[in-house]
Structures are given as structure tokens and as C-alpha cells.
Amino acid sequence: MQIVVDLNRCEGYAQCVFLAPKVFELHGEEALLYAPAPPAEQAERVRRAAAACPVQAILVGEHAGAGAGTEAGADVR
């Protein structure tokens, strides 16, 4: 499983952090860090986090990172 967060779309609601804290982490008010290839045991939590994202900024799939153009750990704005 791979994930990509569209950090241009993300508004820092942090629902992902609450639902999958081992994958997503909020630093300060605007910096989201995440594991782009989370462990398999976190898959269900990641899917729930993606579904709960109010702005649908989380892309989940086997090839989510292919050509997405966003980088993990960038500022959320």
C-alpha cells in the first residue's frame, strides 16, 4: 500500500492523525508528516483516515505515489 497526501488541498483538520497516528503526524499547526508506504497492519486505519478526510486530500493505492508530485513532510497550506 502506498499513500500520497495532496498537501495543497490539505487544510490541517488532522482527522488522519486521530485515525492513523502511526502513519500521520501533525507538527505545529501546518506541517503534516506521513509514511508514504505504511506497514500492512495499518492499512485499515489508513483507509478510514482517507475516507474521513474532509477535503479528500489522501490518495490510497498500490501506485498512489506514481507521478503525484507531492512530497511527504511538506507544509500543509
PDB file of N, CA and C in Angstrom:
ATOM      1  N   MET A   1       0.843  -1.184   0.000  1.00  0.00           N
ATOM      2  CA  MET A   1       0.000   0.000   0.000  1.00  0.00           C
ATOM      3  C   MET A   1       0.882   1.238   0.000  1.00  0.00           C
ATOM      4  N   GLN A   2       0.484   2.204  -0.791  1.00  0.00           N
ATOM      5  CA  GLN A   2       1.161   3.493  -0.813  1.00  0.00           C
ATOM      6  C   GLN A   2       0.122   4.582  -0.614  1.00  0.00           C
ATOM      7  N   ILE A   3       0.549   5.686  -0.032  1.00  0.00           N
ATOM      8  CA  ILE A   3      -0.349   6.824   0.123  1.00  0.00           C
ATOM      9  C   ILE A   3       0.361   8.098  -0.296  1.00  0.00           C
ATOM     10  N   VAL A   4      -0.436   9.043  -0.749  1.00  0.00           N
ATOM     11  CA  VAL A   4       0.045  10.380  -1.069  1.00  0.00           C
ATOM     12  C   VAL A   4      -0.981  11.350  -0.521  1.00  0.00           C
ATOM     13  N   VAL A   5      -0.502  12.387   0.137  1.00  0.00           N
ATOM     14  CA  VAL A   5      -1.387  13.436   0.604  1.00  0.00           C
ATOM     15  C   VAL A   5      -1.162  14.651  -0.285  1.00  0.00           C
ATOM     16  N   ASP A   6      -2.239  15.168  -0.855  1.00  0.00           N
ATOM     17  CA  ASP A   6      -2.164  16.397  -1.641  1.00  0.00           C
ATOM     18  C   ASP A   6      -2.065  17.543  -0.647  1.00  0.00           C
ATOM     19  N   LEU A   7      -0.851  17.981  -0.402  1.00  0.00           N
ATOM     20  CA  LEU A   7      -0.609  18.989   0.622  1.00  0.00           C
ATOM     21  C   LEU A   7      -1.113  20.368   0.217  1.00  0.00           C
ATOM     22  N   ASN A   8      -1.420  20.553  -1.043  1.00  0.00           N
ATOM     23  CA  ASN A   8      -2.048  21.799  -1.476  1.00  0.00           C
ATOM     24  C   ASN A   8      -3.532  21.815  -1.124  1.00  0.00           C
ATOM     25  N   ARG A   9      -4.123  20.648  -1.072  1.00  0.00           N
ATOM     26  CA  ARG A   9      -5.539  20.517  -0.742  1.00  0.00           C
ATOM     27  C   ARG A   9      -5.757  20.400   0.765  1.00  0.00           C
ATOM     28  N   CYS A  10      -4.828  19.746   1.465  1.00  0.00           N
ATOM     29  CA  CYS A  10      -4.953  19.511   2.909  1.00  0.00           C
ATOM     30  C   CYS A  10      -5.092  20.834   3.656  1.00  0.00           C
ATOM     31  N   GLU A  11      -6.055  20.888   4.571  1.00  0.00           N
ATOM     32  CA  GLU A  11      -6.277  22.093   5.364  1.00  0.00           C
ATOM     33  C   GLU A  11      -5.971  21.882   6.841  1.00  0.00           C
ATOM     34  N   GLY A  12      -5.347  20.757   7.173  1.00  0.00           N
ATOM     35  CA  GLY A  12      -4.892  20.522   8.537  1.00  0.00           C
ATOM     36  C   GLY A  12      -5.979  20.172   9.535  1.00  0.00           C
ATOM     37  N   TYR A  13      -7.077  19.573   9.092  1.00  0.00           N
ATOM     38  CA  TYR A  13      -8.127  19.161  10.026  1.00  0.00           C
ATOM     39  C   TYR A  13      -7.652  18.039  10.941  1.00  0.00           C
ATOM     40  N   ALA A  14      -6.650  17.290  10.518  1.00  0.00           N
ATOM     41  CA  ALA A  14      -5.975  16.259  11.311  1.00  0.00           C
ATOM     42  C   ALA A  14      -6.835  15.040  11.637  1.00  0.00           C
ATOM     43  N   GLN A  15      -7.880  14.793  10.883  1.00  0.00           N
ATOM     44  CA  GLN A  15      -8.663  13.586  11.091  1.00  0.00           C
ATOM     45  C   GLN A  15      -7.798  12.351  10.860  1.00  0.00           C
ATOM     46  N   CYS A  16      -6.889  12.438   9.894  1.00  0.00           N
ATOM     47  CA  CYS A  16      -5.987  11.324   9.609  1.00  0.00           C
ATOM     48  C   CYS A  16      -5.087  11.017  10.803  1.00  0.00           C
ATOM     49  N   VAL A  17      -4.661  12.054  11.499  1.00  0.00           N
ATOM     50  CA  VAL A  17      -3.786  11.874  12.661  1.00  0.00           C
ATOM     51  C   VAL A  17      -4.521  11.133  13.776  1.00  0.00           C
ATOM     52  N   PHE A  18      -5.781  11.455  13.970  1.00  0.00           N
ATOM     53  CA  PHE A  18      -6.568  10.785  15.002  1.00  0.00           C
ATOM     54  C   PHE A  18      -6.839   9.331  14.658  1.00  0.00           C
ATOM     55  N   LEU A  19      -7.078   9.057  13.379  1.00  0.00           N
ATOM     56  CA  LEU A  19      -7.455   7.705  12.959  1.00  0.00           C
ATOM     57  C   LEU A  19      -6.266   6.785  12.675  1.00  0.00           C
ATOM     58  N   ALA A  20      -5.132   7.345  12.295  1.00  0.00           N
ATOM     59  CA  ALA A  20      -3.941   6.529  11.993  1.00  0.00           C
ATOM     60  C   ALA A  20      -2.686   7.240  12.515  1.00  0.00           C
ATOM     61  N   PRO A  21      -2.554   7.353  13.828  1.00  0.00           N
ATOM     62  CA  PRO A  21      -1.438   8.108  14.405  1.00  0.00           C
ATOM     63  C   PRO A  21      -0.054   7.510  14.155  1.00  0.00           C
ATOM     64  N   LYS A  22       0.016   6.245  13.776  1.00  0.00           N
ATOM     65  CA  LYS A  22       1.317   5.646  13.467  1.00  0.00           C
ATOM     66  C   LYS A  22       1.744   5.952  12.039  1.00  0.00           C
ATOM     67  N   VAL A  23       0.858   6.550  11.251  1.00  0.00           N
ATOM     68  CA  VAL A  23       1.141   6.859   9.845  1.00  0.00           C
ATOM     69  C   VAL A  23       1.207   8.366   9.611  1.00  0.00           C
ATOM     70  N   PHE A  24       0.301   9.114  10.238  1.00  0.00           N
ATOM     71  CA  PHE A  24       0.214  10.564  10.052  1.00  0.00           C
ATOM     72  C   PHE A  24       0.591  11.274  11.342  1.00  0.00           C
ATOM     73  N   GLU A  25       1.280  12.398  11.205  1.00  0.00           N
ATOM     74  CA  GLU A  25       1.698  13.161  12.375  1.00  0.00           C
ATOM     75  C   GLU A  25       1.660  14.641  12.033  1.00  0.00           C
ATOM     76  N   LEU A  26       1.031  15.425  12.901  1.00  0.00           N
ATOM     77  CA  LEU A  26       0.930  16.860  12.694  1.00  0.00           C
ATOM     78  C   LEU A  26       1.968  17.554  13.564  1.00  0.00           C
ATOM     79  N   HIS A  27       2.782  18.389  12.936  1.00  0.00           N
ATOM     80  CA  HIS A  27       3.785  19.175  13.656  1.00  0.00           C
ATOM     81  C   HIS A  27       3.362  20.626  13.599  1.00  0.00           C
ATOM     82  N   GLY A  28       3.147  21.214  14.765  1.00  0.00           N
ATOM     83  CA  GLY A  28       2.652  22.578  14.796  1.00  0.00           C
ATOM     84  C   GLY A  28       1.235  22.608  14.241  1.00  0.00           C
ATOM     85  N   GLU A  29       0.883  23.711  13.610  1.00  0.00           N
ATOM     86  CA  GLU A  29      -0.463  23.841  13.066  1.00  0.00           C
ATOM     87  C   GLU A  29      -0.522  23.580  11.571  1.00  0.00           C
ATOM     88  N   GLU A  30       0.638  23.537  10.894  1.00  0.00           N
ATOM     89  CA  GLU A  30       0.592  23.459   9.446  1.00  0.00           C
ATOM     90  C   GLU A  30       1.494  22.422   8.795  1.00  0.00           C
ATOM     91  N   ALA A  31       2.202  21.633   9.536  1.00  0.00           N
ATOM     92  CA  ALA A  31       3.121  20.670   8.921  1.00  0.00           C
ATOM     93  C   ALA A  31       2.645  19.238   9.169  1.00  0.00           C
ATOM     94  N   LEU A  32       2.255  18.563   8.093  1.00  0.00           N
ATOM     95  CA  LEU A  32       1.822  17.174   8.185  1.00  0.00           C
ATOM     96  C   LEU A  32       2.939  16.279   7.671  1.00  0.00           C
ATOM     97  N   LEU A  33       3.326  15.322   8.482  1.00  0.00           N
ATOM     98  CA  LEU A  33       4.280  14.298   8.062  1.00  0.00           C
ATOM     99  C   LEU A  33       3.525  12.982   7.989  1.00  0.00           C
ATOM    100  N   TYR A  34       3.921  12.140   7.036  1.00  0.00           N
ATOM    101  CA  TYR A  34       3.252  10.848   6.908  1.00  0.00           C
ATOM    102  C   TYR A  34       4.195   9.837   6.287  1.00  0.00           C
ATOM    103  N   ALA A  35       3.885   8.564   6.508  1.00  0.00           N
ATOM    104  CA  ALA A  35       4.665   7.465   5.937  1.00  0.00           C
ATOM    105  C   ALA A  35       4.047   7.112   4.588  1.00  0.00           C
ATOM    106  N   PRO A  36       4.732   7.362   3.474  1.00  0.00           N
ATOM    107  CA  PRO A  36       4.143   7.096   2.158  1.00  0.00           C
ATOM    108  C   PRO A  36       3.929   5.612   1.863  1.00  0.00           C
ATOM    109  N   ALA A  37       4.620   4.742   2.583  1.00  0.00           N
ATOM    110  CA  ALA A  37       4.431   3.295   2.429  1.00  0.00           C
ATOM    111  C   ALA A  37       4.248   2.696   3.824  1.00  0.00           C
ATOM    112  N   PRO A  38       3.056   2.858   4.402  1.00  0.00           N
ATOM    113  CA  PRO A  38       2.835   2.374   5.768  1.00  0.00           C
ATOM    114  C   PRO A  38       2.831   0.854   5.848  1.00  0.00           C
ATOM    115  N   PRO A  39       3.097   0.314   7.031  1.00  0.00           N
ATOM    116  CA  PRO A  39       3.075  -1.136   7.214  1.00  0.00           C
ATOM    117  C   PRO A  39       1.679  -1.704   6.940  1.00  0.00           C
ATOM    118  N   ALA A  40       1.635  -2.937   6.496  1.00  0.00           N
ATOM    119  CA  ALA A  40       0.379  -3.589   6.126  1.00  0.00           C
ATOM    120  C   ALA A  40      -0.638  -3.597   7.263  1.00  0.00           C
ATOM    121  N   GLU A  41      -0.178  -3.698   8.493  1.00  0.00           N
ATOM    122  CA  GLU A  41      -1.120  -3.748   9.612  1.00  0.00           C
ATOM    123  C   GLU A  41      -1.837  -2.409   9.837  1.00  0.00           C
ATOM    124  N   GLN A  42      -1.382  -1.344   9.173  1.00  0.00           N
ATOM    125  CA  GLN A  42      -2.024  -0.043   9.278  1.00  0.00           C
ATOM    126  C   GLN A  42      -3.001   0.231   8.131  1.00  0.00           C
ATOM    127  N   ALA A  43      -3.160  -0.703   7.211  1.00  0.00           N
ATOM    128  CA  ALA A  43      -3.962  -0.489   6.002  1.00  0.00           C
ATOM    129  C   ALA A  43      -5.394  -0.057   6.301  1.00  0.00           C
ATOM    130  N   GLU A  44      -6.060  -0.733   7.211  1.00  0.00           N
ATOM    131  CA  GLU A  44      -7.450  -0.386   7.509  1.00  0.00           C
ATOM    132  C   GLU A  44      -7.552   1.000   8.138  1.00  0.00           C
ATOM    133  N   ARG A  45      -6.633   1.322   9.009  1.00  0.00           N
ATOM    134  CA  ARG A  45      -6.628   2.656   9.626  1.00  0.00           C
ATOM    135  C   ARG A  45      -6.398   3.742   8.572  1.00  0.00           C
ATOM    136  N   VAL A  46      -5.498   3.478   7.630  1.00  0.00           N
ATOM    137  CA  VAL A  46      -5.211   4.442   6.571  1.00  0.00           C
ATOM    138  C   VAL A  46      -6.444   4.630   5.689  1.00  0.00           C
ATOM    139  N   ARG A  47      -7.123   3.556   5.354  1.00  0.00           N
ATOM    140  CA  ARG A  47      -8.343   3.673   4.537  1.00  0.00           C
ATOM    141  C   ARG A  47      -9.410   4.491   5.255  1.00  0.00           C
ATOM    142  N   ARG A  48      -9.554   4.269   6.544  1.00  0.00           N
ATOM    143  CA  ARG A  48     -10.519   5.049   7.331  1.00  0.00           C
ATOM    144  C   ARG A  48     -10.114   6.517   7.381  1.00  0.00           C
ATOM    145  N   ALA A  49      -8.828   6.768   7.533  1.00  0.00           N
ATOM    146  CA  ALA A  49      -8.337   8.145   7.562  1.00  0.00           C
ATOM    147  C   ALA A  49      -8.600   8.845   6.235  1.00  0.00           C
ATOM    148  N   ALA A  50      -8.352   8.154   5.133  1.00  0.00           N
ATOM    149  CA  ALA A  50      -8.597   8.729   3.811  1.00  0.00           C
ATOM    150  C   ALA A  50     -10.082   9.035   3.627  1.00  0.00           C
ATOM    151  N   ALA A  51     -10.940   8.128   4.058  1.00  0.00           N
ATOM    152  CA  ALA A  51     -12.381   8.331   3.926  1.00  0.00           C
ATOM    153  C   ALA A  51     -12.872   9.487   4.799  1.00  0.00           C
ATOM    154  N   ALA A  52     -12.228   9.695   5.944  1.00  0.00           N
ATOM    155  CA  ALA A  52     -12.649  10.737   6.875  1.00  0.00           C
ATOM    156  C   ALA A  52     -12.114  12.122   6.529  1.00  0.00           C
ATOM    157  N   CYS A  53     -11.166  12.208   5.626  1.00  0.00           N
ATOM    158  CA  CYS A  53     -10.574  13.499   5.278  1.00  0.00           C
ATOM    159  C   CYS A  53     -11.651  14.419   4.686  1.00  0.00           C
ATOM    160  N   PRO A  54     -11.918  15.561   5.326  1.00  0.00           N
ATOM    161  CA  PRO A  54     -12.981  16.455   4.853  1.00  0.00           C
ATOM    162  C   PRO A  54     -12.748  17.018   3.450  1.00  0.00           C
ATOM    163  N   VAL A  55     -11.496  17.097   3.024  1.00  0.00           N
ATOM    164  CA  VAL A  55     -11.192  17.659   1.701  1.00  0.00           C
ATOM    165  C   VAL A  55     -10.668  16.605   0.731  1.00  0.00           C
ATOM    166  N   GLN A  56     -10.745  15.330   1.144  1.00  0.00           N
ATOM    167  CA  GLN A  56     -10.313  14.202   0.302  1.00  0.00           C
ATOM    168  C   GLN A  56      -8.907  14.404  -0.254  1.00  0.00           C
ATOM    169  N   ALA A  57      -7.968  14.732   0.639  1.00  0.00           N
ATOM    170  CA  ALA A  57      -6.584  15.009   0.249  1.00  0.00           C
ATOM    171  C   ALA A  57      -5.695  13.768   0.248  1.00  0.00           C
ATOM    172  N   ILE A  58      -6.208  12.620   0.704  1.00  0.00           N
ATOM    173  CA  ILE A  58      -5.387  11.418   0.837  1.00  0.00           C
ATOM    174  C   ILE A  58      -5.723  10.430  -0.273  1.00  0.00           C
ATOM    175  N   LEU A  59      -4.722  10.075  -1.056  1.00  0.00           N
ATOM    176  CA  LEU A  59      -4.870   9.083  -2.118  1.00  0.00           C
ATOM    177  C   LEU A  59      -4.229   7.789  -1.635  1.00  0.00           C
ATOM    178  N   VAL A  60      -4.980   6.692  -1.691  1.00  0.00           N
ATOM    179  CA  VAL A  60      -4.517   5.394  -1.211  1.00  0.00           C
ATOM    180  C   VAL A  60      -4.553   4.394  -2.354  1.00  0.00           C
ATOM    181  N   GLY A  61      -3.494   3.611  -2.497  1.00  0.00           N
ATOM    182  CA  GLY A  61      -3.476   2.574  -3.515  1.00  0.00           C
ATOM    183  C   GLY A  61      -2.096   1.998  -3.679  1.00  0.00           C
ATOM    184  N   GLU A  62      -1.995   1.019  -4.542  1.00  0.00           N
ATOM    185  CA  GLU A  62      -0.706   0.360  -4.775  1.00  0.00           C
ATOM    186  C   GLU A  62       0.290   1.287  -5.464  1.00  0.00           C
ATOM    187  N   HIS A  63      -0.215   2.200  -6.295  1.00  0.00           N
ATOM    188  CA  HIS A  63       0.667   3.091  -7.042  1.00  0.00           C
ATOM    189  C   HIS A  63       0.288   4.549  -6.807  1.00  0.00           C
ATOM    190  N   ALA A  64      -0.110   4.886  -5.596  1.00  0.00           N
ATOM    191  CA  ALA A  64      -0.565   6.239  -5.286  1.00  0.00           C
ATOM    192  C   ALA A  64       0.511   7.279  -5.532  1.00  0.00           C
ATOM    193  N   GLY A  65       1.772   6.914  -5.348  1.00  0.00           N
ATOM    194  CA  GLY A  65       2.847   7.880  -5.484  1.00  0.00           C
ATOM    195  C   GLY A  65       3.299   8.124  -6.908  1.00  0.00           C
ATOM    196  N   ALA A  66       2.850   7.357  -7.862  1.00  0.00           N
ATOM    197  CA  ALA A  66       3.321   7.480  -9.244  1.00  0.00           C
ATOM    198  C   ALA A  66       2.857   8.779  -9.869  1.00  0.00           C
ATOM    199  N   GLY A  67       3.793   9.709 -10.050  1.00  0.00           N
ATOM    200  CA  GLY A  67       3.506  10.961 -10.729  1.00  0.00           C
ATOM    201  C   GLY A  67       2.626  11.916  -9.956  1.00  0.00           C
ATOM    202  N   ALA A  68       2.479  11.738  -8.667  1.00  0.00           N
ATOM    203  CA  ALA A  68       1.583  12.592  -7.901  1.00  0.00           C
ATOM    204  C   ALA A  68       2.151  13.986  -7.692  1.00  0.00           C
ATOM    205  N   GLY A  69       3.477  14.101  -7.596  1.00  0.00           N
ATOM    206  CA  GLY A  69       4.099  15.411  -7.493  1.00  0.00           C
ATOM    207  C   GLY A  69       4.027  16.066  -6.138  1.00  0.00           C
ATOM    208  N   THR A  70       3.622  15.359  -5.082  1.00  0.00           N
ATOM    209  CA  THR A  70       3.639  15.929  -3.750  1.00  0.00           C
ATOM    210  C   THR A  70       4.692  15.198  -2.935  1.00  0.00           C
ATOM    211  N   GLU A  71       5.194  15.875  -1.933  1.00  0.00           N
ATOM    212  CA  GLU A  71       6.259  15.276  -1.134  1.00  0.00           C
ATOM    213  C   GLU A  71       5.805  15.126   0.306  1.00  0.00           C
ATOM    214  N   ALA A  72       6.143  14.019   0.899  1.00  0.00           N
ATOM    215  CA  ALA A  72       5.830  13.796   2.317  1.00  0.00           C
ATOM    216  C   ALA A  72       6.618  14.783   3.156  1.00  0.00           C
ATOM    217  N   GLY A  73       5.965  15.304   4.172  1.00  0.00           N
ATOM    218  CA  GLY A  73       6.641  16.178   5.095  1.00  0.00           C
ATOM    219  C   GLY A  73       6.616  17.631   4.713  1.00  0.00           C
ATOM    220  N   ALA A  74       5.999  18.001   3.616  1.00  0.00           N
ATOM    221  CA  ALA A  74       5.923  19.400   3.221  1.00  0.00           C
ATOM    222  C   ALA A  74       4.886  20.112   4.078  1.00  0.00           C
ATOM    223  N   ASP A  75       4.894  21.428   4.045  1.00  0.00           N
ATOM    224  CA  ASP A  75       3.943  22.212   4.803  1.00  0.00           C
ATOM    225  C   ASP A  75       2.535  22.019   4.271  1.00  0.00           C
ATOM    226  N   VAL A  76       1.577  22.003   5.178  1.00  0.00           N
ATOM    227  CA  VAL A  76       0.164  21.927   4.832  1.00  0.00           C
ATOM    228  C   VAL A  76      -0.317  23.362   4.696  1.00  0.00           C
ATOM    229  N   ARG A  77      -0.851  23.719   3.580  1.00  0.00           N
ATOM    230  CA  ARG A  77      -1.367  25.084   3.355  1.00  0.00           C
ATOM    231  C   ARG A  77      -2.611  25.021   2.515  1.00  0.00           C
TER     232      ARG A  77
END
